Amino acid sequence: MVIMIVERIAPGLRGEMTRWMLEPKTGVFVGTLSAMVRDRLWERVCQKMGDGGAILIYNTDNEQGFAIKVEGNPSRCIVDFEGISLVRIPQLQT
């Protein structure tokens, strides 16, 4: 299973992603891809996203059972805490 979450990217890139994955919610893509297709699609997203942000989550053989990659400026940050990936939500400045 592969999940990509994208923010602030061009509609054309989102359309391109729907060739390979389903988009159950705006900016959230889910699918079953080979590692080669997953990596090539991720490279394409990273090249074309502009000032947006993207998060890739996919199955792998580790403690959590998945790996996370982040590119650009997504609204949430992934923090490695002693080998465990955690999500950090930045505080809003008032």
C-alpha atoms as a PDB file:
ATOM      1  CA  MET A   1       0.000   0.000   0.000  1.00  0.00           C
ATOM      2  CA  VAL A   2       1.254   3.457  -0.899  1.00  0.00           C
ATOM      3  CA  ILE A   3      -0.157   6.763   0.349  1.00  0.00           C
ATOM      4  CA  MET A   4       0.843  10.189  -0.977  1.00  0.00           C
ATOM      5  CA  ILE A   5      -0.427  13.376   0.589  1.00  0.00           C
ATOM      6  CA  VAL A   6       0.138  16.521  -1.447  1.00  0.00           C
ATOM      7  CA  GLU A   7      -0.545  20.178  -0.690  1.00  0.00           C
ATOM      8  CA  ARG A   8      -0.557  23.210  -2.951  1.00  0.00           C
ATOM      9  CA  ILE A   9       0.334  21.419  -6.192  1.00  0.00           C
ATOM     10  CA  ALA A  10      -0.944  22.044  -9.715  1.00  0.00           C
ATOM     11  CA  PRO A  11      -4.221  20.344 -10.710  1.00  0.00           C
ATOM     12  CA  GLY A  12      -2.423  18.827 -13.716  1.00  0.00           C
ATOM     13  CA  LEU A  13       0.004  16.988 -11.423  1.00  0.00           C
ATOM     14  CA  ARG A  14      -2.906  15.719  -9.326  1.00  0.00           C
ATOM     15  CA  GLY A  15      -4.531  14.486 -12.534  1.00  0.00           C
ATOM     16  CA  GLU A  16      -1.345  12.695 -13.503  1.00  0.00           C
ATOM     17  CA  MET A  17      -1.262  10.979 -10.108  1.00  0.00           C
ATOM     18  CA  THR A  18      -4.821   9.674 -10.571  1.00  0.00           C
ATOM     19  CA  ARG A  19      -3.559   7.519 -13.438  1.00  0.00           C
ATOM     20  CA  TRP A  20      -1.820   5.357 -10.846  1.00  0.00           C
ATOM     21  CA  MET A  21      -3.687   5.962  -7.588  1.00  0.00           C
ATOM     22  CA  LEU A  22      -7.142   6.786  -6.220  1.00  0.00           C
ATOM     23  CA  GLU A  23      -7.833  10.206  -4.692  1.00  0.00           C
ATOM     24  CA  PRO A  24     -10.472   9.562  -1.963  1.00  0.00           C
ATOM     25  CA  LYS A  25     -10.014  13.071  -0.575  1.00  0.00           C
ATOM     26  CA  THR A  26      -8.438  16.130  -2.176  1.00  0.00           C
ATOM     27  CA  GLY A  27      -4.663  15.760  -2.047  1.00  0.00           C
ATOM     28  CA  VAL A  28      -4.702  12.230  -0.553  1.00  0.00           C
ATOM     29  CA  PHE A  29      -3.734   9.447  -2.967  1.00  0.00           C
ATOM     30  CA  VAL A  30      -3.865   5.716  -2.198  1.00  0.00           C
ATOM     31  CA  GLY A  31      -2.786   2.755  -4.278  1.00  0.00           C
ATOM     32  CA  THR A  32      -0.849  -0.462  -4.622  1.00  0.00           C
ATOM     33  CA  LEU A  33       2.263   0.245  -6.673  1.00  0.00           C
ATOM     34  CA  SER A  34       5.492  -1.568  -7.382  1.00  0.00           C
ATOM     35  CA  ALA A  35       8.570   0.000  -5.802  1.00  0.00           C
ATOM     36  CA  MET A  36       9.764   1.183  -9.214  1.00  0.00           C
ATOM     37  CA  VAL A  37       6.471   2.916 -10.076  1.00  0.00           C
ATOM     38  CA  ARG A  38       6.242   4.380  -6.564  1.00  0.00           C
ATOM     39  CA  ASP A  39       9.764   5.835  -6.764  1.00  0.00           C
ATOM     40  CA  ARG A  40       9.294   7.244 -10.271  1.00  0.00           C
ATOM     41  CA  LEU A  41       5.957   8.819  -9.343  1.00  0.00           C
ATOM     42  CA  TRP A  42       7.527  10.305  -6.204  1.00  0.00           C
ATOM     43  CA  GLU A  43      10.387  11.756  -8.286  1.00  0.00           C
ATOM     44  CA  ARG A  44       7.851  13.284 -10.668  1.00  0.00           C
ATOM     45  CA  VAL A  45       5.853  14.818  -7.796  1.00  0.00           C
ATOM     46  CA  CYS A  46       9.043  16.237  -6.247  1.00  0.00           C
ATOM     47  CA  GLN A  47      10.138  17.760  -9.568  1.00  0.00           C
ATOM     48  CA  LYS A  48       6.788  19.356 -10.413  1.00  0.00           C
ATOM     49  CA  MET A  49       5.324  20.415  -7.053  1.00  0.00           C
ATOM     50  CA  GLY A  50       6.724  23.946  -7.038  1.00  0.00           C
ATOM     51  CA  ASP A  51       6.270  25.550  -3.604  1.00  0.00           C
ATOM     52  CA  GLY A  52       3.906  22.811  -2.412  1.00  0.00           C
ATOM     53  CA  GLY A  53       4.602  19.911  -0.122  1.00  0.00           C
ATOM     54  CA  ALA A  54       4.316  16.142  -0.284  1.00  0.00           C
ATOM     55  CA  ILE A  55       4.453  13.172   2.080  1.00  0.00           C
ATOM     56  CA  LEU A  56       4.971   9.589   0.894  1.00  0.00           C
ATOM     57  CA  ILE A  57       4.087   6.620   3.127  1.00  0.00           C
ATOM     58  CA  TYR A  58       4.769   3.056   2.018  1.00  0.00           C
ATOM     59  CA  ASN A  59       5.159  -0.465   3.420  1.00  0.00           C
ATOM     60  CA  THR A  60       8.628  -1.593   4.407  1.00  0.00           C
ATOM     61  CA  ASP A  61      10.293  -4.057   6.752  1.00  0.00           C
ATOM     62  CA  ASN A  62      10.976  -2.026   9.909  1.00  0.00           C
ATOM     63  CA  GLU A  63       9.588  -1.631  13.444  1.00  0.00           C
ATOM     64  CA  GLN A  64       6.564   0.399  12.330  1.00  0.00           C
ATOM     65  CA  GLY A  65       5.975  -1.534   9.116  1.00  0.00           C
ATOM     66  CA  PHE A  66       6.147   1.605   6.969  1.00  0.00           C
ATOM     67  CA  ALA A  67       8.504   4.387   5.916  1.00  0.00           C
ATOM     68  CA  ILE A  68       7.807   8.076   5.395  1.00  0.00           C
ATOM     69  CA  LYS A  69       9.442  10.540   2.998  1.00  0.00           C
ATOM     70  CA  VAL A  70       8.799  14.282   3.022  1.00  0.00           C
ATOM     71  CA  GLU A  71       9.533  16.847   0.331  1.00  0.00           C
ATOM     72  CA  GLY A  72       8.849  20.559   0.063  1.00  0.00           C
ATOM     73  CA  ASN A  73       6.806  22.404   2.675  1.00  0.00           C
ATOM     74  CA  PRO A  74       3.959  20.239   3.963  1.00  0.00           C
ATOM     75  CA  SER A  75       1.844  21.569   6.840  1.00  0.00           C
ATOM     76  CA  ARG A  76       3.012  18.738   9.126  1.00  0.00           C
ATOM     77  CA  CYS A  77       6.543  17.634   9.910  1.00  0.00           C
ATOM     78  CA  ILE A  78       7.837  14.096  10.335  1.00  0.00           C
ATOM     79  CA  VAL A  79      10.311  13.707  13.182  1.00  0.00           C
ATOM     80  CA  ASP A  80      12.539  10.676  13.743  1.00  0.00           C
ATOM     81  CA  PHE A  81      12.518   9.763  17.430  1.00  0.00           C
ATOM     82  CA  GLU A  82      15.004   6.940  18.051  1.00  0.00           C
ATOM     83  CA  GLY A  83      14.019   5.154  14.845  1.00  0.00           C
ATOM     84  CA  ILE A  84      10.271   5.776  15.180  1.00  0.00           C
ATOM     85  CA  SER A  85       8.587   8.300  12.873  1.00  0.00           C
ATOM     86  CA  LEU A  86       6.322  10.781  14.628  1.00  0.00           C
ATOM     87  CA  VAL A  87       4.175  13.595  13.244  1.00  0.00           C
ATOM     88  CA  ARG A  88       4.692  17.103  14.585  1.00  0.00           C
ATOM     89  CA  ILE A  89       2.002  19.696  14.004  1.00  0.00           C
ATOM     90  CA  PRO A  90       3.534  23.190  13.994  1.00  0.00           C
ATOM     91  CA  GLN A  91       1.943  25.613  16.434  1.00  0.00           C
ATOM     92  CA  LEU A  92       0.002  28.483  14.951  1.00  0.00           C
ATOM     93  CA  GLN A  93       1.537  31.842  15.698  1.00  0.00           C
ATOM     94  CA  THR A  94      -0.893  34.456  16.956  1.00  0.00           C
END
